[in-house]
Each structure stands twice: as C-alpha cells, then as structure tokens.
C-alpha cells in the first residue's frame, strides 16, 4: 500500500477544500495521513478513513526560532514515516515540506491555491521576502521528483516566468471544485428582490472596498 502525507495549513481549509482528495485516496487503497493545524478537537471523526494529525507547522510563526523548530519537526516526521509522496497545500507547507522532500529525495506535489501576498512586492521588505520565496521555490521544483498544481493561469505563468518551474512540470486545474449535491441553489430566493453576492474573505486585497463602492452605485 502506498503512503501519502498531506500537509494543509489549517483544519477548516482541509475540510472545505481537500477532504474529497483524502477520501478518494483511501478509496484507491492509499494510506493517507493528513497533517493540519487544529482549530478544534476532531476526536475520532476520520480515524476509520484516514489519520488526522496536528501539523508541526503553525499558520503564523512567532519567531525565527519557532520556524526552525517547525522545519526540524517536519524533517523528523518524513524521516520516520518514509512516505511515498508528500502532498503540500498552500505556500508555507509547500516551502517547508518542499525543502524536506528535496533533501530526503521524496516525491513531492505542491498545490498552489494562490500565490498570495508573498508575491506582492510593494516595499523593500516584501521584495526581499519575494526573492527568498522564489529562491526556495526554485530549489523545490527543480527536482525531477517535484510537480506543481496551480488553479489559475496567472499563477502558472508567474511561476514559469520567474524560473521556478517549467511548463512540463506544472498542471493547471480549474479550482478546487464544488459539490453540487451539497451546495445547490435555494429555489425560495427566485421570487425575491434582485441582489448581488460577493463570495470572499473580508480582506481589502480581495476587492471588498471596490465591491462596496460598486454596490452604492448600483
């Protein structure tokens, strides 16, 4: 039986976006072990399907010492567990587990749901951060055992243009998908007054301010 270690930044993101992948892996006779940062106790909810562990990575590292400690623990997990594949989701898990995968010669897949603020360079500090991230990405994805998954053509083209990876080693998918049986239109809203919905986190760089200004005009 093949063994896959999946690293996702936080549990609610795993449950909303990556749970079907874990279940599909189990259905295909793959031993799936998921590491994620817990925001609540999940008890024995998934033990019969796959193993859900507290991740060595926290969403926000408080200091350089914490970051080094996270990298060290991640390295120990891979050395002891010896997975056949590491599947990392979002930037921080990709950066850290990607390096660990390269150093241990473990096949690696990095799923990039968005490049995020790490690729927005509007100050000297953010430019330095971008240079570091790109350098680490190059180290990770230039391995013959590494592949990248992007959800937008823009992210894919950016990675290729800065030399992180080649066209042959990055796969473009059209988002994480939606379970249309779980999320379907509410027919009770058909006869209500017209309305416009913005599906987004409440962040300025998501365009919330522009949406509110447009709403006033409409």
Protein backbone atom coordinates (compact mmCIF):
# COMPACT_ATOMS: atom_id res chain seq x y z
CA UNK A 1 0.00 0.00 0.00
CA UNK A 2 1.33 3.43 -1.00
CA UNK A 3 1.61 6.04 1.75
CA UNK A 4 0.84 9.74 1.19
CA UNK A 5 1.44 12.53 3.72
CA UNK A 6 -0.73 15.61 3.09
CA UNK A 7 0.13 18.92 4.76
CA UNK A 8 -2.56 21.65 4.85
CA UNK A 9 -2.23 24.93 6.73
CA UNK A 10 -5.45 24.70 8.82
CA UNK A 11 -8.16 22.11 9.51
CA UNK A 12 -11.20 24.06 8.27
CA UNK A 13 -9.45 24.64 4.93
CA UNK A 14 -8.69 20.93 4.64
CA UNK A 15 -12.34 20.04 5.40
CA UNK A 16 -13.76 22.56 2.93
CA UNK A 17 -11.29 22.11 0.06
CA UNK A 18 -9.22 18.92 0.39
CA UNK A 19 -11.36 16.35 2.22
CA UNK A 20 -12.60 14.71 -1.04
CA UNK A 21 -8.96 14.16 -2.10
CA UNK A 22 -8.18 12.33 1.12
CA UNK A 23 -11.30 10.18 0.78
CA UNK A 24 -10.55 9.39 -2.87
CA UNK A 25 -7.02 8.35 -1.95
CA UNK A 26 -8.32 5.94 0.68
CA UNK A 27 -10.83 4.54 -1.82
CA UNK A 28 -7.89 3.80 -4.15
CA UNK A 29 -6.05 1.79 -1.50
CA UNK A 30 -3.67 4.60 -0.44
CA UNK A 31 -2.70 5.11 3.19
CA UNK A 32 -3.48 8.80 3.71
CA UNK A 33 -2.06 10.70 6.68
CA UNK A 34 -3.07 14.35 6.97
CA UNK A 35 -1.19 16.99 8.98
CA UNK A 36 -3.01 20.25 9.65
CA UNK A 37 -3.18 22.96 12.30
CA UNK A 38 -6.17 22.22 14.57
CA UNK A 39 -8.65 24.94 15.48
CA UNK A 40 -10.79 22.39 17.35
CA UNK A 41 -10.69 18.77 18.51
CA UNK A 42 -11.82 16.36 15.80
CA UNK A 43 -11.78 13.29 18.05
CA UNK A 44 -12.31 10.01 16.22
CA UNK A 45 -14.21 11.58 13.30
CA UNK A 46 -11.92 10.40 10.50
CA UNK A 47 -9.91 7.58 12.10
CA UNK A 48 -11.74 4.88 10.15
CA UNK A 49 -10.86 6.56 6.83
CA UNK A 50 -7.51 8.26 7.33
CA UNK A 51 -5.29 9.62 10.09
CA UNK A 52 -5.59 13.30 11.02
CA UNK A 53 -2.65 14.74 12.98
CA UNK A 54 -1.74 18.13 14.41
CA UNK A 55 0.69 19.66 11.95
CA UNK A 56 4.20 20.67 13.03
CA UNK A 57 3.52 23.90 11.13
CA UNK A 58 1.54 26.76 12.64
CA UNK A 59 -0.25 29.23 10.39
CA UNK A 60 1.81 32.06 11.91
CA UNK A 61 5.33 31.56 13.23
CA UNK A 62 6.05 33.91 16.12
CA UNK A 63 9.82 33.97 15.64
CA UNK A 64 12.72 32.56 13.64
CA UNK A 65 13.24 30.04 16.45
CA UNK A 66 9.68 28.75 16.03
CA UNK A 67 10.21 28.44 12.27
CA UNK A 68 13.44 26.45 12.71
CA UNK A 69 11.67 24.19 15.22
CA UNK A 70 8.83 23.59 12.71
CA UNK A 71 11.29 22.71 9.95
CA UNK A 72 13.15 20.30 12.25
CA UNK A 73 9.93 18.55 13.34
CA UNK A 74 8.75 18.30 9.72
CA UNK A 75 12.06 16.69 8.78
CA UNK A 76 11.70 14.13 11.60
CA UNK A 77 8.15 13.24 10.50
CA UNK A 78 9.29 12.49 6.95
CA UNK A 79 12.40 10.58 8.04
CA UNK A 80 10.41 8.39 10.45
CA UNK A 81 7.28 8.00 8.32
CA UNK A 82 9.01 7.46 4.96
CA UNK A 83 6.01 8.40 2.78
CA UNK A 84 5.89 7.51 -0.92
CA UNK A 85 4.65 11.03 -1.67
CA UNK A 86 4.35 14.37 0.10
CA UNK A 87 1.37 16.50 -0.94
CA UNK A 88 1.58 20.06 0.40
CA UNK A 89 -1.18 22.65 0.07
CA UNK A 90 -0.68 26.46 0.30
CA UNK A 91 2.56 28.44 0.42
CA UNK A 92 4.08 27.72 3.86
CA UNK A 93 3.65 23.91 3.73
CA UNK A 94 4.97 23.94 0.16
CA UNK A 95 8.07 25.92 1.14
CA UNK A 96 8.96 23.84 4.20
CA UNK A 97 7.87 20.37 3.10
CA UNK A 98 9.20 21.03 -0.38
CA UNK A 99 12.68 21.57 1.04
CA UNK A 100 12.35 18.48 3.25
CA UNK A 101 11.19 16.45 0.22
CA UNK A 102 14.17 17.63 -1.82
CA UNK A 103 16.65 16.80 0.96
CA UNK A 104 15.13 13.33 1.51
CA UNK A 105 14.56 12.60 -2.21
CA UNK A 106 10.83 12.11 -1.58
CA UNK A 107 8.40 12.66 -4.49
CA UNK A 108 6.57 15.94 -3.95
CA UNK A 109 3.42 17.68 -5.20
CA UNK A 110 2.76 21.30 -4.26
CA UNK A 111 -0.82 22.53 -4.70
CA UNK A 112 -0.83 26.31 -5.07
CA UNK A 113 -4.33 27.65 -4.44
CA UNK A 114 -3.00 31.21 -4.83
CA UNK A 115 0.39 32.92 -4.66
CA UNK A 116 -0.99 35.40 -2.14
CA UNK A 117 0.82 38.35 -0.53
CA UNK A 118 4.21 36.60 -0.79
CA UNK A 119 4.27 37.61 -4.49
CA UNK A 120 3.19 41.23 -3.91
CA UNK A 121 6.37 43.32 -3.75
CA UNK A 122 5.47 46.91 -2.84
CA UNK A 123 8.20 47.62 -0.27
CA UNK A 124 11.86 46.70 0.27
CA UNK A 125 10.87 44.12 2.88
CA UNK A 126 8.28 42.48 0.63
CA UNK A 127 10.80 42.49 -2.25
CA UNK A 128 13.30 40.68 -0.05
CA UNK A 129 10.61 38.20 1.01
CA UNK A 130 9.68 37.59 -2.63
CA UNK A 131 13.32 36.94 -3.55
CA UNK A 132 13.64 34.38 -0.74
CA UNK A 133 10.35 32.64 -1.63
CA UNK A 134 11.28 32.40 -5.33
CA UNK A 135 14.73 31.02 -4.46
CA UNK A 136 13.23 28.32 -2.22
CA UNK A 137 10.58 27.51 -4.83
CA UNK A 138 13.31 27.03 -7.44
CA UNK A 139 15.18 24.66 -5.12
CA UNK A 140 11.99 22.66 -4.51
CA UNK A 141 10.51 22.43 -8.01
CA UNK A 142 13.71 21.91 -9.97
CA UNK A 143 13.84 18.41 -8.50
CA UNK A 144 12.92 15.71 -11.02
CA UNK A 145 10.55 14.31 -8.37
CA UNK A 146 8.59 17.55 -7.83
CA UNK A 147 5.44 18.80 -9.56
CA UNK A 148 3.25 21.88 -9.07
CA UNK A 149 -0.53 22.30 -9.31
CA UNK A 150 -1.97 25.77 -10.00
CA UNK A 151 -5.57 26.94 -10.02
CA UNK A 152 -5.11 29.96 -12.26
CA UNK A 153 -3.26 30.57 -15.50
CA UNK A 154 -1.82 33.75 -13.97
CA UNK A 155 -0.15 31.85 -11.10
CA UNK A 156 1.16 29.21 -13.51
CA UNK A 157 2.59 31.83 -15.87
CA UNK A 158 4.18 33.70 -12.96
CA UNK A 159 5.99 30.60 -11.70
CA UNK A 160 7.25 29.82 -15.19
CA UNK A 161 8.30 33.41 -15.93
CA UNK A 162 10.44 33.74 -12.78
CA UNK A 163 12.07 30.38 -13.47
CA UNK A 164 10.53 28.38 -10.62
CA UNK A 165 9.42 25.51 -12.84
CA UNK A 166 8.86 24.53 -16.45
CA UNK A 167 5.64 24.10 -18.41
CA UNK A 168 6.00 20.31 -18.32
CA UNK A 169 6.14 20.21 -14.51
CA UNK A 170 3.12 22.34 -13.64
CA UNK A 171 -0.53 21.27 -14.01
CA UNK A 172 -3.41 23.75 -14.31
CA UNK A 173 -6.78 22.83 -12.80
CA UNK A 174 -9.93 24.96 -12.73
CA UNK A 175 -10.17 25.48 -8.97
CA UNK A 176 -10.91 23.05 -6.16
CA UNK A 177 -14.42 22.32 -7.40
CA UNK A 178 -17.82 22.41 -5.72
CA UNK A 179 -20.01 19.54 -4.54
CA UNK A 180 -23.23 20.49 -6.33
CA UNK A 181 -25.21 17.99 -4.25
CA UNK A 182 -24.12 19.74 -1.05
CA UNK A 183 -24.26 23.30 -2.41
CA UNK A 184 -27.23 23.94 -4.68
CA UNK A 185 -29.42 26.98 -5.45
CA UNK A 186 -32.15 27.80 -2.95
CA UNK A 187 -35.33 27.94 -5.04
CA UNK A 188 -37.03 30.01 -2.36
CA UNK A 189 -34.92 33.00 -3.45
CA UNK A 190 -36.20 33.00 -7.03
CA UNK A 191 -39.05 35.46 -6.31
CA UNK A 192 -37.11 37.82 -4.02
CA UNK A 193 -35.71 41.23 -4.96
CA UNK A 194 -32.56 41.16 -7.13
CA UNK A 195 -29.32 41.04 -5.16
CA UNK A 196 -25.61 40.64 -5.81
CA UNK A 197 -23.41 38.34 -3.70
CA UNK A 198 -19.65 38.58 -3.24
CA UNK A 199 -18.11 35.30 -2.11
CA UNK A 200 -14.86 36.34 -0.47
CA UNK A 201 -12.92 36.73 2.72
CA UNK A 202 -13.26 40.21 4.22
CA UNK A 203 -9.89 41.47 3.05
CA UNK A 204 -9.07 44.65 1.19
CA UNK A 205 -6.86 42.91 -1.36
CA UNK A 206 -9.81 40.67 -2.30
CA UNK A 207 -11.65 43.72 -3.66
CA UNK A 208 -14.14 44.20 -0.83
CA UNK A 209 -13.81 48.00 -0.88
CA UNK A 210 -14.39 48.11 -4.63
CA UNK A 211 -17.39 45.85 -4.24
CA UNK A 212 -18.93 48.19 -1.64
CA UNK A 213 -18.34 51.24 -3.87
CA UNK A 214 -19.92 49.44 -6.81
CA UNK A 215 -22.87 48.43 -4.64
CA UNK A 216 -23.53 52.08 -3.79
CA UNK A 217 -23.58 52.96 -7.49
CA UNK A 218 -25.97 50.12 -8.33
